[in-house]
PDB file of N, CA and C in Angstrom:
ATOM      1  N   UNK A   1       0.861  -0.988   0.110  1.00  0.00           N
ATOM      2  CA  UNK A   1      -0.323   0.166   0.266  1.00  0.00           C
ATOM      3  C   UNK A   1       0.989   1.226   0.027  1.00  0.00           C
ATOM      4  N   UNK A   2       0.532   2.229  -0.936  1.00  0.00           N
ATOM      5  CA  UNK A   2       1.379   3.340  -1.013  1.00  0.00           C
ATOM      6  C   UNK A   2       0.950   4.152   0.276  1.00  0.00           C
ATOM      7  N   UNK A   3       1.881   5.328   0.471  1.00  0.00           N
ATOM      8  CA  UNK A   3       1.725   6.196   1.468  1.00  0.00           C
ATOM      9  C   UNK A   3       0.532   6.906   1.510  1.00  0.00           C
ATOM     10  N   UNK A   4       0.056   7.661   0.315  1.00  0.00           N
ATOM     11  CA  UNK A   4      -1.232   8.040   0.044  1.00  0.00           C
ATOM     12  C   UNK A   4      -2.142   7.595   0.651  1.00  0.00           C
ATOM     13  N   UNK A   5      -2.282   6.206   0.049  1.00  0.00           N
ATOM     14  CA  UNK A   5      -3.412   5.550   0.250  1.00  0.00           C
ATOM     15  C   UNK A   5      -3.486   4.942   1.732  1.00  0.00           C
ATOM     16  N   UNK A   6      -2.411   4.962   2.342  1.00  0.00           N
ATOM     17  CA  UNK A   6      -2.402   4.348   4.068  1.00  0.00           C
ATOM     18  C   UNK A   6      -2.899   5.753   4.470  1.00  0.00           C
ATOM     19  N   UNK A   7      -2.407   6.807   4.289  1.00  0.00           N
ATOM     20  CA  UNK A   7      -2.640   7.966   5.139  1.00  0.00           C
ATOM     21  C   UNK A   7      -4.278   8.036   4.924  1.00  0.00           C
ATOM     22  N   UNK A   8      -4.731   7.654   3.815  1.00  0.00           N
ATOM     23  CA  UNK A   8      -6.169   7.981   3.594  1.00  0.00           C
ATOM     24  C   UNK A   8      -6.800   6.673   4.263  1.00  0.00           C
ATOM     25  N   UNK A   9      -6.402   5.745   4.314  1.00  0.00           N
ATOM     26  CA  UNK A   9      -7.000   4.653   4.926  1.00  0.00           C
ATOM     27  C   UNK A   9      -7.281   5.116   6.559  1.00  0.00           C
ATOM     28  N   UNK A  10      -6.008   5.820   7.103  1.00  0.00           N
ATOM     29  CA  UNK A  10      -6.441   5.713   8.613  1.00  0.00           C
ATOM     30  C   UNK A  10      -6.953   7.039   8.936  1.00  0.00           C
ATOM     31  N   UNK A  11      -7.355   7.811   7.811  1.00  0.00           N
ATOM     32  CA  UNK A  11      -8.015   9.155   8.026  1.00  0.00           C
ATOM     33  C   UNK A  11      -9.527   8.837   7.932  1.00  0.00           C
ATOM     34  N   UNK A  12      -9.913   7.238   7.454  1.00  0.00           N
ATOM     35  CA  UNK A  12     -11.192   6.878   7.205  1.00  0.00           C
ATOM     36  C   UNK A  12     -11.720   7.549   6.369  1.00  0.00           C
ATOM     37  N   UNK A  13     -11.169   7.862   5.009  1.00  0.00           N
ATOM     38  CA  UNK A  13     -11.572   8.707   4.000  1.00  0.00           C
ATOM     39  C   UNK A  13     -11.401   7.610   2.807  1.00  0.00           C
ATOM     40  N   UNK A  14     -12.688   7.867   1.743  1.00  0.00           N
ATOM     41  CA  UNK A  14     -12.375   7.196   0.618  1.00  0.00           C
ATOM     42  C   UNK A  14     -11.712   8.365  -0.342  1.00  0.00           C
ATOM     43  N   UNK A  15     -11.460   7.883  -1.528  1.00  0.00           N
ATOM     44  CA  UNK A  15     -10.885   8.650  -2.644  1.00  0.00           C
ATOM     45  C   UNK A  15     -12.001  10.077  -2.901  1.00  0.00           C
ATOM     46  N   UNK A  16     -13.454   9.824  -2.841  1.00  0.00           N
ATOM     47  CA  UNK A  16     -14.123  11.178  -3.211  1.00  0.00           C
ATOM     48  C   UNK A  16     -13.974  11.926  -1.999  1.00  0.00           C
ATOM     49  N   UNK A  17     -14.122  11.641  -0.787  1.00  0.00           N
ATOM     50  CA  UNK A  17     -13.947  12.625   0.201  1.00  0.00           C
ATOM     51  C   UNK A  17     -12.581  13.260   0.444  1.00  0.00           C
ATOM     52  N   UNK A  18     -11.740  12.541   0.057  1.00  0.00           N
ATOM     53  CA  UNK A  18     -10.145  13.295  -0.105  1.00  0.00           C
ATOM     54  C   UNK A  18     -10.315  14.208  -1.150  1.00  0.00           C
ATOM     55  N   UNK A  19     -10.719  13.847  -2.315  1.00  0.00           N
ATOM     56  CA  UNK A  19     -10.778  14.738  -3.660  1.00  0.00           C
ATOM     57  C   UNK A  19     -11.708  16.253  -2.910  1.00  0.00           C
ATOM     58  N   UNK A  20     -12.979  15.822  -2.767  1.00  0.00           N
ATOM     59  CA  UNK A  20     -13.579  17.288  -2.193  1.00  0.00           C
ATOM     60  C   UNK A  20     -12.635  18.181  -0.913  1.00  0.00           C
ATOM     61  N   UNK A  21     -11.870  17.330  -0.175  1.00  0.00           N
ATOM     62  CA  UNK A  21     -11.246  18.209   0.541  1.00  0.00           C
ATOM     63  C   UNK A  21      -9.842  18.753  -0.084  1.00  0.00           C
ATOM     64  N   UNK A  22      -9.453  18.134  -1.088  1.00  0.00           N
ATOM     65  CA  UNK A  22      -8.044  18.598  -1.524  1.00  0.00           C
ATOM     66  C   UNK A  22      -8.352  19.279  -3.087  1.00  0.00           C
ATOM     67  N   UNK A  23      -9.835  19.350  -3.117  1.00  0.00           N
ATOM     68  CA  UNK A  23     -10.144  20.214  -4.590  1.00  0.00           C
ATOM     69  C   UNK A  23      -9.611  19.714  -5.651  1.00  0.00           C
ATOM     70  N   UNK A  24      -9.534  18.365  -5.784  1.00  0.00           N
ATOM     71  CA  UNK A  24      -9.212  17.392  -7.044  1.00  0.00           C
ATOM     72  C   UNK A  24     -10.373  16.692  -7.504  1.00  0.00           C
ATOM     73  N   UNK A  25     -10.030  15.922  -8.486  1.00  0.00           N
ATOM     74  CA  UNK A  25     -10.859  15.088  -8.993  1.00  0.00           C
ATOM     75  C   UNK A  25     -10.728  13.849  -8.646  1.00  0.00           C
ATOM     76  N   UNK A  26     -11.604  12.814  -8.237  1.00  0.00           N
ATOM     77  CA  UNK A  26     -11.326  11.398  -7.539  1.00  0.00           C
ATOM     78  C   UNK A  26     -10.586  10.782  -8.453  1.00  0.00           C
ATOM     79  N   UNK A  27     -10.672  10.872  -9.705  1.00  0.00           N
ATOM     80  CA  UNK A  27     -10.054   9.714 -10.759  1.00  0.00           C
ATOM     81  C   UNK A  27      -8.585  10.304 -10.902  1.00  0.00           C
ATOM     82  N   UNK A  28      -8.100  11.267 -10.598  1.00  0.00           N
ATOM     83  CA  UNK A  28      -6.703  12.104 -10.641  1.00  0.00           C
ATOM     84  C   UNK A  28      -6.032  11.265  -9.294  1.00  0.00           C
ATOM     85  N   UNK A  29      -6.912  11.297  -7.975  1.00  0.00           N
ATOM     86  CA  UNK A  29      -6.078  10.412  -6.897  1.00  0.00           C
ATOM     87  C   UNK A  29      -6.098   9.029  -7.073  1.00  0.00           C
ATOM     88  N   UNK A  30      -6.745   8.723  -7.827  1.00  0.00           N
ATOM     89  CA  UNK A  30      -6.863   6.982  -7.989  1.00  0.00           C
ATOM     90  C   UNK A  30      -5.579   6.870  -8.812  1.00  0.00           C
ATOM     91  N   UNK A  31      -5.300   7.607  -9.946  1.00  0.00           N
ATOM     92  CA  UNK A  31      -4.177   7.530 -10.745  1.00  0.00           C
ATOM     93  C   UNK A  31      -3.042   7.711 -10.189  1.00  0.00           C
ATOM     94  N   UNK A  32      -3.057   8.565  -8.952  1.00  0.00           N
ATOM     95  CA  UNK A  32      -1.676   8.841  -8.063  1.00  0.00           C
ATOM     96  C   UNK A  32      -1.586   7.778  -7.345  1.00  0.00           C
ATOM     97  N   UNK A  33      -2.411   7.191  -6.721  1.00  0.00           N
ATOM     98  CA  UNK A  33      -2.380   5.949  -5.743  1.00  0.00           C
ATOM     99  C   UNK A  33      -1.727   4.915  -6.428  1.00  0.00           C
ATOM    100  N   UNK A  34      -2.362   4.597  -7.829  1.00  0.00           N
ATOM    101  CA  UNK A  34      -2.317   3.454  -8.491  1.00  0.00           C
ATOM    102  C   UNK A  34      -0.629   3.621  -8.966  1.00  0.00           C
ATOM    103  N   UNK A  35      -0.050   4.672  -9.048  1.00  0.00           N
ATOM    104  CA  UNK A  35       1.267   4.851  -9.555  1.00  0.00           C
ATOM    105  C   UNK A  35       1.064   5.198 -10.943  1.00  0.00           C
ATOM    106  N   UNK A  36       0.231   5.540 -11.808  1.00  0.00           N
ATOM    107  CA  UNK A  36       0.019   5.968 -13.160  1.00  0.00           C
ATOM    108  C   UNK A  36       0.522   7.148 -13.517  1.00  0.00           C
ATOM    109  N   UNK A  37       0.102   8.186 -12.355  1.00  0.00           N
ATOM    110  CA  UNK A  37       0.446   9.596 -12.287  1.00  0.00           C
ATOM    111  C   UNK A  37       1.297  10.015 -11.192  1.00  0.00           C
ATOM    112  N   UNK A  38       2.060  10.846 -11.596  1.00  0.00           N
ATOM    113  CA  UNK A  38       2.668  11.554 -10.637  1.00  0.00           C
ATOM    114  C   UNK A  38       2.124  12.969 -10.176  1.00  0.00           C
ATOM    115  N   UNK A  39       2.166  13.376  -8.886  1.00  0.00           N
ATOM    116  CA  UNK A  39       1.365  14.421  -8.490  1.00  0.00           C
ATOM    117  C   UNK A  39       2.422  15.655  -8.493  1.00  0.00           C
ATOM    118  N   UNK A  40       1.680  16.671  -9.375  1.00  0.00           N
ATOM    119  CA  UNK A  40       2.378  17.617  -9.153  1.00  0.00           C
ATOM    120  C   UNK A  40       2.674  18.453  -7.841  1.00  0.00           C
ATOM    121  N   UNK A  41       3.422  19.459  -7.693  1.00  0.00           N
ATOM    122  CA  UNK A  41       3.824  19.935  -6.236  1.00  0.00           C
ATOM    123  C   UNK A  41       2.516  20.715  -5.789  1.00  0.00           C
ATOM    124  N   UNK A  42       1.801  21.339  -6.339  1.00  0.00           N
ATOM    125  CA  UNK A  42       0.559  21.891  -5.566  1.00  0.00           C
ATOM    126  C   UNK A  42      -0.308  20.594  -5.406  1.00  0.00           C
ATOM    127  N   UNK A  43      -0.469  19.614  -6.020  1.00  0.00           N
ATOM    128  CA  UNK A  43      -1.299  18.187  -5.835  1.00  0.00           C
ATOM    129  C   UNK A  43      -0.627  17.800  -4.126  1.00  0.00           C
ATOM    130  N   UNK A  44       0.335  17.479  -4.479  1.00  0.00           N
ATOM    131  CA  UNK A  44       1.019  17.051  -3.051  1.00  0.00           C
ATOM    132  C   UNK A  44       0.672  18.076  -1.838  1.00  0.00           C
ATOM    133  N   UNK A  45       0.772  19.400  -1.804  1.00  0.00           N
ATOM    134  CA  UNK A  45       0.617  20.170  -0.866  1.00  0.00           C
ATOM    135  C   UNK A  45      -0.949  19.925  -0.359  1.00  0.00           C
ATOM    136  N   UNK A  46      -1.910  20.038  -1.317  1.00  0.00           N
ATOM    137  CA  UNK A  46      -3.337  19.932  -1.264  1.00  0.00           C
ATOM    138  C   UNK A  46      -3.780  18.532  -0.482  1.00  0.00           C
ATOM    139  N   UNK A  47      -3.316  17.663  -0.841  1.00  0.00           N
ATOM    140  CA  UNK A  47      -3.113  16.162  -0.605  1.00  0.00           C
ATOM    141  C   UNK A  47      -2.976  16.067   0.965  1.00  0.00           C
ATOM    142  N   UNK A  48      -1.577  16.450   1.020  1.00  0.00           N
ATOM    143  CA  UNK A  48      -1.109  16.702   2.488  1.00  0.00           C
ATOM    144  C   UNK A  48      -1.908  17.322   3.538  1.00  0.00           C
ATOM    145  N   UNK A  49      -2.425  18.563   3.027  1.00  0.00           N
ATOM    146  CA  UNK A  49      -3.103  19.412   3.806  1.00  0.00           C
ATOM    147  C   UNK A  49      -4.504  18.665   4.385  1.00  0.00           C
ATOM    148  N   UNK A  50      -5.074  18.049   3.344  1.00  0.00           N
ATOM    149  CA  UNK A  50      -6.248  17.194   3.275  1.00  0.00           C
ATOM    150  C   UNK A  50      -6.297  16.272   4.416  1.00  0.00           C
ATOM    151  N   UNK A  51      -5.062  15.720   4.267  1.00  0.00           N
ATOM    152  CA  UNK A  51      -4.714  14.517   5.232  1.00  0.00           C
ATOM    153  C   UNK A  51      -4.034  14.774   6.665  1.00  0.00           C
ATOM    154  N   UNK A  52      -3.885  16.203   6.654  1.00  0.00           N
ATOM    155  CA  UNK A  52      -3.276  16.360   7.935  1.00  0.00           C
ATOM    156  C   UNK A  52      -1.739  16.020   8.222  1.00  0.00           C
ATOM    157  N   UNK A  53      -0.992  16.206   6.849  1.00  0.00           N
ATOM    158  CA  UNK A  53       0.132  15.347   6.845  1.00  0.00           C
ATOM    159  C   UNK A  53       1.032  16.219   6.419  1.00  0.00           C
ATOM    160  N   UNK A  54       2.468  16.099   6.360  1.00  0.00           N
ATOM    161  CA  UNK A  54       3.439  17.041   5.381  1.00  0.00           C
ATOM    162  C   UNK A  54       3.719  16.187   4.040  1.00  0.00           C
ATOM    163  N   UNK A  55       3.675  16.712   2.943  1.00  0.00           N
ATOM    164  CA  UNK A  55       3.814  16.329   1.632  1.00  0.00           C
ATOM    165  C   UNK A  55       5.370  15.128   1.702  1.00  0.00           C
ATOM    166  N   UNK A  56       6.127  15.497   2.554  1.00  0.00           N
ATOM    167  CA  UNK A  56       7.154  14.770   2.320  1.00  0.00           C
ATOM    168  C   UNK A  56       7.059  13.479   3.143  1.00  0.00           C
ATOM    169  N   UNK A  57       6.011  13.324   4.117  1.00  0.00           N
ATOM    170  CA  UNK A  57       5.420  12.203   4.640  1.00  0.00           C
ATOM    171  C   UNK A  57       4.883  11.143   3.744  1.00  0.00           C
ATOM    172  N   UNK A  58       3.991  11.946   2.528  1.00  0.00           N
ATOM    173  CA  UNK A  58       3.260  10.985   1.676  1.00  0.00           C
ATOM    174  C   UNK A  58       3.926  10.636   0.448  1.00  0.00           C
ATOM    175  N   UNK A  59       5.015  11.237  -0.161  1.00  0.00           N
ATOM    176  CA  UNK A  59       5.777  11.128  -1.309  1.00  0.00           C
ATOM    177  C   UNK A  59       6.953  11.309  -1.575  1.00  0.00           C
ATOM    178  N   UNK A  60       7.783  10.105  -1.995  1.00  0.00           N
ATOM    179  CA  UNK A  60       9.040  10.252  -1.796  1.00  0.00           C
ATOM    180  C   UNK A  60       9.507  11.397  -2.940  1.00  0.00           C
ATOM    181  N   UNK A  61      10.773  11.813  -2.609  1.00  0.00           N
ATOM    182  CA  UNK A  61      11.306  12.675  -3.360  1.00  0.00           C
ATOM    183  C   UNK A  61      11.822  12.275  -4.740  1.00  0.00           C
ATOM    184  N   UNK A  62      12.248  12.962  -5.582  1.00  0.00           N
ATOM    185  CA  UNK A  62      12.457  12.541  -7.020  1.00  0.00           C
ATOM    186  C   UNK A  62      13.621  11.436  -7.075  1.00  0.00           C
ATOM    187  N   UNK A  63      14.781  11.911  -6.102  1.00  0.00           N
ATOM    188  CA  UNK A  63      16.215  10.876  -6.226  1.00  0.00           C
ATOM    189  C   UNK A  63      15.833   9.801  -5.503  1.00  0.00           C
ATOM    190  N   UNK A  64      14.309   9.695  -4.520  1.00  0.00           N
ATOM    191  CA  UNK A  64      14.545   8.211  -3.869  1.00  0.00           C
ATOM    192  C   UNK A  64      13.699   7.447  -4.550  1.00  0.00           C
ATOM    193  N   UNK A  65      13.539   7.656  -6.049  1.00  0.00           N
ATOM    194  CA  UNK A  65      12.449   6.337  -6.839  1.00  0.00           C
ATOM    195  C   UNK A  65      13.365   5.560  -7.283  1.00  0.00           C
TER     196      UNK A  65
END
């Protein structure tokens, strides 16, 4: 399980609820969680804020991949 999905799970949020909180589309969150899309820096910030976390706690840095 990736960190974004894990954080969402522990916050007891589904993708739709996270999408509303982060101001994004649910389908975009699905693509990010499955690894088919990389989140932009602004998306990382919005997702982290919606989950009460830091972006670096949810996403690997570019050099760590």
